[in-house]
PDB file of N, CA and C in Angstrom:
ATOM      1  N   UNK A   1      -0.228 -22.200   6.650  1.00  0.00           N
ATOM      2  CA  UNK A   1      -0.877 -20.936   6.807  1.00  0.00           C
ATOM      3  C   UNK A   1      -1.226 -20.319   5.469  1.00  0.00           C
ATOM      4  N   UNK A   2      -2.371 -19.671   5.376  1.00  0.00           N
ATOM      5  CA  UNK A   2      -2.886 -19.149   4.089  1.00  0.00           C
ATOM      6  C   UNK A   2      -2.332 -17.726   3.925  1.00  0.00           C
ATOM      7  N   UNK A   3      -1.844 -17.443   2.744  1.00  0.00           N
ATOM      8  CA  UNK A   3      -1.459 -16.093   2.419  1.00  0.00           C
ATOM      9  C   UNK A   3      -2.647 -15.207   2.226  1.00  0.00           C
ATOM     10  N   UNK A   4      -2.507 -13.952   2.622  1.00  0.00           N
ATOM     11  CA  UNK A   4      -3.565 -12.942   2.395  1.00  0.00           C
ATOM     12  C   UNK A   4      -3.037 -11.905   1.432  1.00  0.00           C
ATOM     13  N   UNK A   5      -3.973 -11.363   0.667  1.00  0.00           N
ATOM     14  CA  UNK A   5      -3.622 -10.330  -0.326  1.00  0.00           C
ATOM     15  C   UNK A   5      -4.416  -9.103   0.003  1.00  0.00           C
ATOM     16  N   UNK A   6      -3.776  -7.960  -0.247  1.00  0.00           N
ATOM     17  CA  UNK A   6      -4.461  -6.668  -0.069  1.00  0.00           C
ATOM     18  C   UNK A   6      -4.376  -5.908  -1.372  1.00  0.00           C
ATOM     19  N   UNK A   7      -5.489  -5.292  -1.713  1.00  0.00           N
ATOM     20  CA  UNK A   7      -5.565  -4.415  -2.844  1.00  0.00           C
ATOM     21  C   UNK A   7      -5.900  -3.017  -2.306  1.00  0.00           C
ATOM     22  N   UNK A   8      -4.964  -2.112  -2.350  1.00  0.00           N
ATOM     23  CA  UNK A   8      -5.233  -0.767  -1.818  1.00  0.00           C
ATOM     24  C   UNK A   8      -5.251   0.191  -3.010  1.00  0.00           C
ATOM     25  N   UNK A   9      -6.325   0.899  -3.174  1.00  0.00           N
ATOM     26  CA  UNK A   9      -6.457   1.830  -4.274  1.00  0.00           C
ATOM     27  C   UNK A   9      -6.499   3.292  -3.701  1.00  0.00           C
ATOM     28  N   UNK A  10      -5.616   4.079  -4.180  1.00  0.00           N
ATOM     29  CA  UNK A  10      -5.465   5.446  -3.690  1.00  0.00           C
ATOM     30  C   UNK A  10      -5.581   6.433  -4.847  1.00  0.00           C
ATOM     31  N   UNK A  11      -6.437   7.387  -4.699  1.00  0.00           N
ATOM     32  CA  UNK A  11      -6.543   8.457  -5.705  1.00  0.00           C
ATOM     33  C   UNK A  11      -6.009   9.718  -5.012  1.00  0.00           C
ATOM     34  N   UNK A  12      -4.941  10.270  -5.585  1.00  0.00           N
ATOM     35  CA  UNK A  12      -4.290  11.398  -4.994  1.00  0.00           C
ATOM     36  C   UNK A  12      -4.800  12.712  -5.553  1.00  0.00           C
ATOM     37  N   UNK A  13      -4.701  13.756  -4.746  1.00  0.00           N
ATOM     38  CA  UNK A  13      -5.030  15.117  -5.252  1.00  0.00           C
ATOM     39  C   UNK A  13      -3.912  15.540  -6.211  1.00  0.00           C
ATOM     40  N   UNK A  14      -4.266  16.152  -7.328  1.00  0.00           N
ATOM     41  CA  UNK A  14      -3.238  16.486  -8.334  1.00  0.00           C
ATOM     42  C   UNK A  14      -2.069  17.278  -7.816  1.00  0.00           C
ATOM     43  N   UNK A  15      -2.295  18.183  -6.968  1.00  0.00           N
ATOM     44  CA  UNK A  15      -1.187  19.012  -6.470  1.00  0.00           C
ATOM     45  C   UNK A  15      -0.172  18.283  -5.580  1.00  0.00           C
ATOM     46  N   UNK A  16      -0.529  17.064  -5.186  1.00  0.00           N
ATOM     47  CA  UNK A  16       0.379  16.246  -4.338  1.00  0.00           C
ATOM     48  C   UNK A  16       0.946  15.054  -5.056  1.00  0.00           C
ATOM     49  N   UNK A  17       0.646  14.888  -6.315  1.00  0.00           N
ATOM     50  CA  UNK A  17       1.096  13.693  -7.045  1.00  0.00           C
ATOM     51  C   UNK A  17       2.578  13.425  -6.938  1.00  0.00           C
ATOM     52  N   UNK A  18       3.371  14.406  -7.269  1.00  0.00           N
ATOM     53  CA  UNK A  18       4.841  14.253  -7.279  1.00  0.00           C
ATOM     54  C   UNK A  18       5.323  13.879  -5.884  1.00  0.00           C
ATOM     55  N   UNK A  19       4.879  14.592  -4.879  1.00  0.00           N
ATOM     56  CA  UNK A  19       5.267  14.339  -3.505  1.00  0.00           C
ATOM     57  C   UNK A  19       4.875  12.964  -3.031  1.00  0.00           C
ATOM     58  N   UNK A  20       3.653  12.514  -3.370  1.00  0.00           N
ATOM     59  CA  UNK A  20       3.140  11.228  -2.882  1.00  0.00           C
ATOM     60  C   UNK A  20       3.773  10.073  -3.631  1.00  0.00           C
ATOM     61  N   UNK A  21       4.194  10.244  -4.851  1.00  0.00           N
ATOM     62  CA  UNK A  21       4.909   9.183  -5.540  1.00  0.00           C
ATOM     63  C   UNK A  21       6.206   8.827  -4.760  1.00  0.00           C
ATOM     64  N   UNK A  22       6.887   9.800  -4.259  1.00  0.00           N
ATOM     65  CA  UNK A  22       8.079   9.595  -3.415  1.00  0.00           C
ATOM     66  C   UNK A  22       7.673   8.845  -2.150  1.00  0.00           C
ATOM     67  N   UNK A  23       6.596   9.253  -1.552  1.00  0.00           N
ATOM     68  CA  UNK A  23       6.133   8.604  -0.311  1.00  0.00           C
ATOM     69  C   UNK A  23       5.751   7.143  -0.581  1.00  0.00           C
ATOM     70  N   UNK A  24       5.078   6.887  -1.743  1.00  0.00           N
ATOM     71  CA  UNK A  24       4.725   5.532  -2.116  1.00  0.00           C
ATOM     72  C   UNK A  24       5.971   4.673  -2.283  1.00  0.00           C
ATOM     73  N   UNK A  25       6.944   5.201  -2.983  1.00  0.00           N
ATOM     74  CA  UNK A  25       8.220   4.464  -3.230  1.00  0.00           C
ATOM     75  C   UNK A  25       8.907   4.097  -1.896  1.00  0.00           C
ATOM     76  N   UNK A  26       8.907   5.051  -0.954  1.00  0.00           N
ATOM     77  CA  UNK A  26       9.560   4.770   0.346  1.00  0.00           C
ATOM     78  C   UNK A  26       8.866   3.675   1.082  1.00  0.00           C
ATOM     79  N   UNK A  27       7.500   3.725   1.124  1.00  0.00           N
ATOM     80  CA  UNK A  27       6.798   2.657   1.860  1.00  0.00           C
ATOM     81  C   UNK A  27       6.919   1.311   1.186  1.00  0.00           C
ATOM     82  N   UNK A  28       7.019   1.280  -0.145  1.00  0.00           N
ATOM     83  CA  UNK A  28       7.179   0.059  -0.880  1.00  0.00           C
ATOM     84  C   UNK A  28       8.581  -0.546  -0.516  1.00  0.00           C
ATOM     85  N   UNK A  29       9.622   0.301  -0.621  1.00  0.00           N
ATOM     86  CA  UNK A  29      10.981  -0.145  -0.340  1.00  0.00           C
ATOM     87  C   UNK A  29      11.107  -0.737   1.061  1.00  0.00           C
ATOM     88  N   UNK A  30      10.546  -0.036   2.037  1.00  0.00           N
ATOM     89  CA  UNK A  30      10.660  -0.494   3.413  1.00  0.00           C
ATOM     90  C   UNK A  30       9.782  -1.716   3.694  1.00  0.00           C
ATOM     91  N   UNK A  31       8.651  -1.764   3.115  1.00  0.00           N
ATOM     92  CA  UNK A  31       7.752  -2.934   3.318  1.00  0.00           C
ATOM     93  C   UNK A  31       8.351  -4.209   2.765  1.00  0.00           C
ATOM     94  N   UNK A  32       8.959  -4.099   1.623  1.00  0.00           N
ATOM     95  CA  UNK A  32       9.550  -5.266   1.014  1.00  0.00           C
ATOM     96  C   UNK A  32      10.624  -5.945   1.878  1.00  0.00           C
ATOM     97  N   UNK A  33      11.130  -5.193   2.807  1.00  0.00           N
ATOM     98  CA  UNK A  33      12.154  -5.747   3.758  1.00  0.00           C
ATOM     99  C   UNK A  33      11.512  -6.555   4.874  1.00  0.00           C
ATOM    100  N   UNK A  34      10.241  -6.433   5.063  1.00  0.00           N
ATOM    101  CA  UNK A  34       9.528  -7.067   6.178  1.00  0.00           C
ATOM    102  C   UNK A  34       9.505  -8.585   6.014  1.00  0.00           C
ATOM    103  N   UNK A  35       9.741  -9.293   7.097  1.00  0.00           N
ATOM    104  CA  UNK A  35       9.832 -10.733   7.089  1.00  0.00           C
ATOM    105  C   UNK A  35       8.506 -11.382   6.617  1.00  0.00           C
ATOM    106  N   UNK A  36       7.394 -10.849   6.987  1.00  0.00           N
ATOM    107  CA  UNK A  36       6.090 -11.435   6.656  1.00  0.00           C
ATOM    108  C   UNK A  36       5.570 -11.028   5.303  1.00  0.00           C
ATOM    109  N   UNK A  37       6.296 -10.176   4.533  1.00  0.00           N
ATOM    110  CA  UNK A  37       5.831  -9.720   3.239  1.00  0.00           C
ATOM    111  C   UNK A  37       6.334 -10.630   2.145  1.00  0.00           C
ATOM    112  N   UNK A  38       5.418 -11.041   1.280  1.00  0.00           N
ATOM    113  CA  UNK A  38       5.790 -11.854   0.094  1.00  0.00           C
ATOM    114  C   UNK A  38       6.033 -10.952  -1.088  1.00  0.00           C
ATOM    115  N   UNK A  39       5.154  -9.971  -1.309  1.00  0.00           N
ATOM    116  CA  UNK A  39       5.335  -8.975  -2.325  1.00  0.00           C
ATOM    117  C   UNK A  39       4.537  -7.738  -2.047  1.00  0.00           C
ATOM    118  N   UNK A  40       5.009  -6.626  -2.591  1.00  0.00           N
ATOM    119  CA  UNK A  40       4.364  -5.310  -2.295  1.00  0.00           C
ATOM    120  C   UNK A  40       4.712  -4.463  -3.540  1.00  0.00           C
ATOM    121  N   UNK A  41       3.762  -4.305  -4.395  1.00  0.00           N
ATOM    122  CA  UNK A  41       3.992  -3.631  -5.695  1.00  0.00           C
ATOM    123  C   UNK A  41       3.076  -2.469  -5.915  1.00  0.00           C
ATOM    124  N   UNK A  42       3.653  -1.348  -6.449  1.00  0.00           N
ATOM    125  CA  UNK A  42       2.937  -0.158  -6.726  1.00  0.00           C
ATOM    126  C   UNK A  42       2.599  -0.103  -8.228  1.00  0.00           C
ATOM    127  N   UNK A  43       1.376   0.228  -8.521  1.00  0.00           N
ATOM    128  CA  UNK A  43       0.887   0.330  -9.916  1.00  0.00           C
ATOM    129  C   UNK A  43       0.174   1.677 -10.086  1.00  0.00           C
ATOM    130  N   UNK A  44       0.227   2.169 -11.349  1.00  0.00           N
ATOM    131  CA  UNK A  44      -0.442   3.425 -11.691  1.00  0.00           C
ATOM    132  C   UNK A  44      -1.437   3.122 -12.819  1.00  0.00           C
ATOM    133  N   UNK A  45      -2.625   3.607 -12.697  1.00  0.00           N
ATOM    134  CA  UNK A  45      -3.673   3.429 -13.706  1.00  0.00           C
ATOM    135  C   UNK A  45      -3.250   4.141 -15.038  1.00  0.00           C
ATOM    136  N   UNK A  46      -3.470   3.454 -16.099  1.00  0.00           N
ATOM    137  CA  UNK A  46      -3.032   4.005 -17.408  1.00  0.00           C
ATOM    138  C   UNK A  46      -3.967   5.086 -17.930  1.00  0.00           C
ATOM    139  N   UNK A  47      -5.232   5.133 -17.447  1.00  0.00           N
ATOM    140  CA  UNK A  47      -6.140   6.156 -17.946  1.00  0.00           C
ATOM    141  C   UNK A  47      -6.296   7.316 -16.917  1.00  0.00           C
ATOM    142  N   UNK A  48      -6.007   7.015 -15.657  1.00  0.00           N
ATOM    143  CA  UNK A  48      -6.072   8.040 -14.597  1.00  0.00           C
ATOM    144  C   UNK A  48      -4.740   8.043 -13.823  1.00  0.00           C
ATOM    145  N   UNK A  49      -3.801   8.878 -14.194  1.00  0.00           N
ATOM    146  CA  UNK A  49      -2.471   8.841 -13.529  1.00  0.00           C
ATOM    147  C   UNK A  49      -2.544   9.242 -12.037  1.00  0.00           C
ATOM    148  N   UNK A  50      -3.632   9.689 -11.569  1.00  0.00           N
ATOM    149  CA  UNK A  50      -3.802  10.006 -10.140  1.00  0.00           C
ATOM    150  C   UNK A  50      -4.245   8.803  -9.320  1.00  0.00           C
ATOM    151  N   UNK A  51      -4.484   7.740  -9.982  1.00  0.00           N
ATOM    152  CA  UNK A  51      -4.995   6.523  -9.320  1.00  0.00           C
ATOM    153  C   UNK A  51      -3.853   5.484  -9.207  1.00  0.00           C
ATOM    154  N   UNK A  52      -3.547   5.118  -7.964  1.00  0.00           N
ATOM    155  CA  UNK A  52      -2.484   4.171  -7.702  1.00  0.00           C
ATOM    156  C   UNK A  52      -3.051   2.944  -6.979  1.00  0.00           C
ATOM    157  N   UNK A  53      -2.529   1.814  -7.335  1.00  0.00           N
ATOM    158  CA  UNK A  53      -2.945   0.589  -6.655  1.00  0.00           C
ATOM    159  C   UNK A  53      -1.724  -0.114  -6.119  1.00  0.00           C
ATOM    160  N   UNK A  54      -1.781  -0.519  -4.817  1.00  0.00           N
ATOM    161  CA  UNK A  54      -0.752  -1.278  -4.225  1.00  0.00           C
ATOM    162  C   UNK A  54      -1.270  -2.662  -4.049  1.00  0.00           C
ATOM    163  N   UNK A  55      -0.590  -3.634  -4.677  1.00  0.00           N
ATOM    164  CA  UNK A  55      -0.949  -5.043  -4.580  1.00  0.00           C
ATOM    165  C   UNK A  55       0.017  -5.717  -3.623  1.00  0.00           C
ATOM    166  N   UNK A  56      -0.500  -6.267  -2.574  1.00  0.00           N
ATOM    167  CA  UNK A  56       0.285  -6.804  -1.479  1.00  0.00           C
ATOM    168  C   UNK A  56      -0.020  -8.303  -1.272  1.00  0.00           C
ATOM    169  N   UNK A  57       0.997  -9.092  -0.956  1.00  0.00           N
ATOM    170  CA  UNK A  57       0.819 -10.468  -0.506  1.00  0.00           C
ATOM    171  C   UNK A  57       1.550 -10.660   0.796  1.00  0.00           C
ATOM    172  N   UNK A  58       0.859 -11.171   1.778  1.00  0.00           N
ATOM    173  CA  UNK A  58       1.352 -11.383   3.147  1.00  0.00           C
ATOM    174  C   UNK A  58       1.302 -12.829   3.557  1.00  0.00           C
ATOM    175  N   UNK A  59       2.230 -13.228   4.381  1.00  0.00           N
ATOM    176  CA  UNK A  59       2.244 -14.643   4.841  1.00  0.00           C
ATOM    177  C   UNK A  59       1.114 -14.933   5.807  1.00  0.00           C
ATOM    178  N   UNK A  60       0.597 -13.888   6.530  1.00  0.00           N
ATOM    179  CA  UNK A  60      -0.439 -14.115   7.506  1.00  0.00           C
ATOM    180  C   UNK A  60      -1.087 -12.814   7.947  1.00  0.00           C
ATOM    181  N   UNK A  61      -2.149 -12.941   8.745  1.00  0.00           N
ATOM    182  CA  UNK A  61      -2.753 -11.722   9.370  1.00  0.00           C
ATOM    183  C   UNK A  61      -1.781 -11.096  10.346  1.00  0.00           C
ATOM    184  N   UNK A  62      -1.040 -11.909  11.037  1.00  0.00           N
ATOM    185  CA  UNK A  62      -0.024 -11.446  11.998  1.00  0.00           C
ATOM    186  C   UNK A  62       0.960 -10.521  11.241  1.00  0.00           C
ATOM    187  N   UNK A  63       1.402 -10.950  10.101  1.00  0.00           N
ATOM    188  CA  UNK A  63       2.341 -10.150   9.320  1.00  0.00           C
ATOM    189  C   UNK A  63       1.721  -8.802   8.934  1.00  0.00           C
ATOM    190  N   UNK A  64       0.472  -8.776   8.573  1.00  0.00           N
ATOM    191  CA  UNK A  64      -0.243  -7.553   8.231  1.00  0.00           C
ATOM    192  C   UNK A  64      -0.311  -6.679   9.427  1.00  0.00           C
ATOM    193  N   UNK A  65      -0.617  -7.233  10.608  1.00  0.00           N
ATOM    194  CA  UNK A  65      -0.726  -6.442  11.827  1.00  0.00           C
ATOM    195  C   UNK A  65       0.662  -5.853  12.171  1.00  0.00           C
ATOM    196  N   UNK A  66       1.688  -6.607  12.011  1.00  0.00           N
ATOM    197  CA  UNK A  66       3.008  -6.076  12.297  1.00  0.00           C
ATOM    198  C   UNK A  66       3.372  -4.936  11.337  1.00  0.00           C
ATOM    199  N   UNK A  67       3.004  -5.121  10.071  1.00  0.00           N
ATOM    200  CA  UNK A  67       3.215  -4.056   9.087  1.00  0.00           C
ATOM    201  C   UNK A  67       2.452  -2.783   9.488  1.00  0.00           C
ATOM    202  N   UNK A  68       1.226  -2.916   9.827  1.00  0.00           N
ATOM    203  CA  UNK A  68       0.422  -1.792  10.235  1.00  0.00           C
ATOM    204  C   UNK A  68       0.950  -1.041  11.468  1.00  0.00           C
ATOM    205  N   UNK A  69       1.698  -1.751  12.256  1.00  0.00           N
ATOM    206  CA  UNK A  69       2.310  -1.158  13.481  1.00  0.00           C
ATOM    207  C   UNK A  69       3.694  -0.587  13.234  1.00  0.00           C
ATOM    208  N   UNK A  70       4.230  -0.790  12.029  1.00  0.00           N
ATOM    209  CA  UNK A  70       5.643  -0.418  11.770  1.00  0.00           C
ATOM    210  C   UNK A  70       5.731   1.124  11.614  1.00  0.00           C
ATOM    211  N   UNK A  71       6.909   1.621  11.952  1.00  0.00           N
ATOM    212  CA  UNK A  71       7.169   3.059  11.826  1.00  0.00           C
ATOM    213  C   UNK A  71       7.023   3.592  10.417  1.00  0.00           C
ATOM    214  N   UNK A  72       7.476   2.825   9.422  1.00  0.00           N
ATOM    215  CA  UNK A  72       7.400   3.315   8.063  1.00  0.00           C
ATOM    216  C   UNK A  72       5.940   3.340   7.544  1.00  0.00           C
ATOM    217  N   UNK A  73       5.098   2.416   7.992  1.00  0.00           N
ATOM    218  CA  UNK A  73       3.711   2.402   7.584  1.00  0.00           C
ATOM    219  C   UNK A  73       3.003   3.604   8.263  1.00  0.00           C
ATOM    220  N   UNK A  74       3.265   3.828   9.580  1.00  0.00           N
ATOM    221  CA  UNK A  74       2.648   4.942  10.274  1.00  0.00           C
ATOM    222  C   UNK A  74       3.059   6.248   9.653  1.00  0.00           C
ATOM    223  N   UNK A  75       4.313   6.342   9.210  1.00  0.00           N
ATOM    224  CA  UNK A  75       4.779   7.551   8.551  1.00  0.00           C
ATOM    225  C   UNK A  75       4.021   7.768   7.182  1.00  0.00           C
ATOM    226  N   UNK A  76       3.829   6.676   6.510  1.00  0.00           N
ATOM    227  CA  UNK A  76       3.086   6.666   5.239  1.00  0.00           C
ATOM    228  C   UNK A  76       1.684   7.218   5.440  1.00  0.00           C
ATOM    229  N   UNK A  77       0.960   6.674   6.455  1.00  0.00           N
ATOM    230  CA  UNK A  77      -0.385   7.110   6.719  1.00  0.00           C
ATOM    231  C   UNK A  77      -0.435   8.609   7.051  1.00  0.00           C
ATOM    232  N   UNK A  78       0.522   9.092   7.845  1.00  0.00           N
ATOM    233  CA  UNK A  78       0.557  10.492   8.189  1.00  0.00           C
ATOM    234  C   UNK A  78       0.898  11.338   6.970  1.00  0.00           C
ATOM    235  N   UNK A  79       1.741  10.850   6.071  1.00  0.00           N
ATOM    236  CA  UNK A  79       2.163  11.600   4.925  1.00  0.00           C
ATOM    237  C   UNK A  79       1.072  11.779   3.877  1.00  0.00           C
ATOM    238  N   UNK A  80       0.148  10.844   3.806  1.00  0.00           N
ATOM    239  CA  UNK A  80      -0.914  10.963   2.767  1.00  0.00           C
ATOM    240  C   UNK A  80      -2.165  11.684   3.318  1.00  0.00           C
ATOM    241  N   UNK A  81      -2.236  11.901   4.622  1.00  0.00           N
ATOM    242  CA  UNK A  81      -3.382  12.528   5.249  1.00  0.00           C
ATOM    243  C   UNK A  81      -3.679  13.882   4.604  1.00  0.00           C
ATOM    244  N   UNK A  82      -4.924  14.090   4.147  1.00  0.00           N
ATOM    245  CA  UNK A  82      -5.291  15.343   3.535  1.00  0.00           C
ATOM    246  C   UNK A  82      -4.817  15.579   2.108  1.00  0.00           C
ATOM    247  N   UNK A  83      -4.070  14.588   1.563  1.00  0.00           N
ATOM    248  CA  UNK A  83      -3.490  14.729   0.247  1.00  0.00           C
ATOM    249  C   UNK A  83      -4.089  13.761  -0.770  1.00  0.00           C
ATOM    250  N   UNK A  84      -5.059  13.000  -0.349  1.00  0.00           N
ATOM    251  CA  UNK A  84      -5.689  12.034  -1.251  1.00  0.00           C
ATOM    252  C   UNK A  84      -7.195  12.307  -1.356  1.00  0.00           C
ATOM    253  N   UNK A  85      -7.750  11.910  -2.469  1.00  0.00           N
ATOM    254  CA  UNK A  85      -9.205  12.014  -2.675  1.00  0.00           C
ATOM    255  C   UNK A  85      -9.905  10.833  -2.067  1.00  0.00           C
ATOM    256  N   UNK A  86      -9.291   9.636  -2.202  1.00  0.00           N
ATOM    257  CA  UNK A  86      -9.977   8.458  -1.682  1.00  0.00           C
ATOM    258  C   UNK A  86      -8.984   7.351  -1.446  1.00  0.00           C
ATOM    259  N   UNK A  87      -9.377   6.415  -0.598  1.00  0.00           N
ATOM    260  CA  UNK A  87      -8.588   5.194  -0.322  1.00  0.00           C
ATOM    261  C   UNK A  87      -9.538   4.048  -0.054  1.00  0.00           C
ATOM    262  N   UNK A  88      -9.346   2.948  -0.818  1.00  0.00           N
ATOM    263  CA  UNK A  88     -10.110   1.741  -0.554  1.00  0.00           C
ATOM    264  C   UNK A  88      -9.153   0.624  -0.352  1.00  0.00           C
ATOM    265  N   UNK A  89      -9.446  -0.226   0.623  1.00  0.00           N
ATOM    266  CA  UNK A  89      -8.589  -1.354   0.927  1.00  0.00           C
ATOM    267  C   UNK A  89      -9.434  -2.619   1.009  1.00  0.00           C
ATOM    268  N   UNK A  90      -9.022  -3.583   0.248  1.00  0.00           N
ATOM    269  CA  UNK A  90      -9.683  -4.930   0.238  1.00  0.00           C
ATOM    270  C   UNK A  90      -8.645  -5.957   0.675  1.00  0.00           C
ATOM    271  N   UNK A  91      -9.014  -6.734   1.663  1.00  0.00           N
ATOM    272  CA  UNK A  91      -8.157  -7.869   2.098  1.00  0.00           C
ATOM    273  C   UNK A  91      -8.843  -9.110   1.564  1.00  0.00           C
ATOM    274  N   UNK A  92      -8.119  -9.924   0.763  1.00  0.00           N
ATOM    275  CA  UNK A  92      -8.765 -11.078   0.140  1.00  0.00           C
ATOM    276  C   UNK A  92      -7.877 -12.313   0.320  1.00  0.00           C
ATOM    277  N   UNK A  93      -8.515 -13.445   0.125  1.00  0.00           N
ATOM    278  CA  UNK A  93      -7.778 -14.726   0.198  1.00  0.00           C
ATOM    279  C   UNK A  93      -8.186 -15.531  -1.023  1.00  0.00           C
ATOM    280  N   UNK A  94      -7.287 -16.337  -1.479  1.00  0.00           N
ATOM    281  CA  UNK A  94      -7.573 -17.189  -2.648  1.00  0.00           C
ATOM    282  C   UNK A  94      -8.367 -18.451  -2.172  1.00  0.00           C
ATOM    283  N   UNK A  95      -9.452 -18.719  -2.883  1.00  0.00           N
ATOM    284  CA  UNK A  95     -10.207 -19.879  -2.530  1.00  0.00           C
ATOM    285  C   UNK A  95     -10.184 -20.999  -3.546  1.00  0.00           C
ATOM    286  N   UNK A  96      -9.660 -20.660  -4.726  1.00  0.00           N
ATOM    287  CA  UNK A  96      -9.563 -21.678  -5.789  1.00  0.00           C
ATOM    288  C   UNK A  96      -8.371 -21.347  -6.681  1.00  0.00           C
TER     289      UNK A  96
END
């Protein structure tokens, strides 16, 4: 089975940065415990501290679907609602 990778880029509103960093850490900690997760890492842009990137590696699409249905991920989605400027998500696979 081919691993899938996700690149999620989130730009937070300045007034929520401290609150959302805690939310990010919680979702990272809980997601790393998931059976289908290979890695789940949070990064912060060095020139724009409001820009966060989550780099994820999953064993399969099924693993991603299970993650998206998890209580901690649903709580994460609810927690960031209205507190971010933008969110982009790319699901990619390695071809070479």
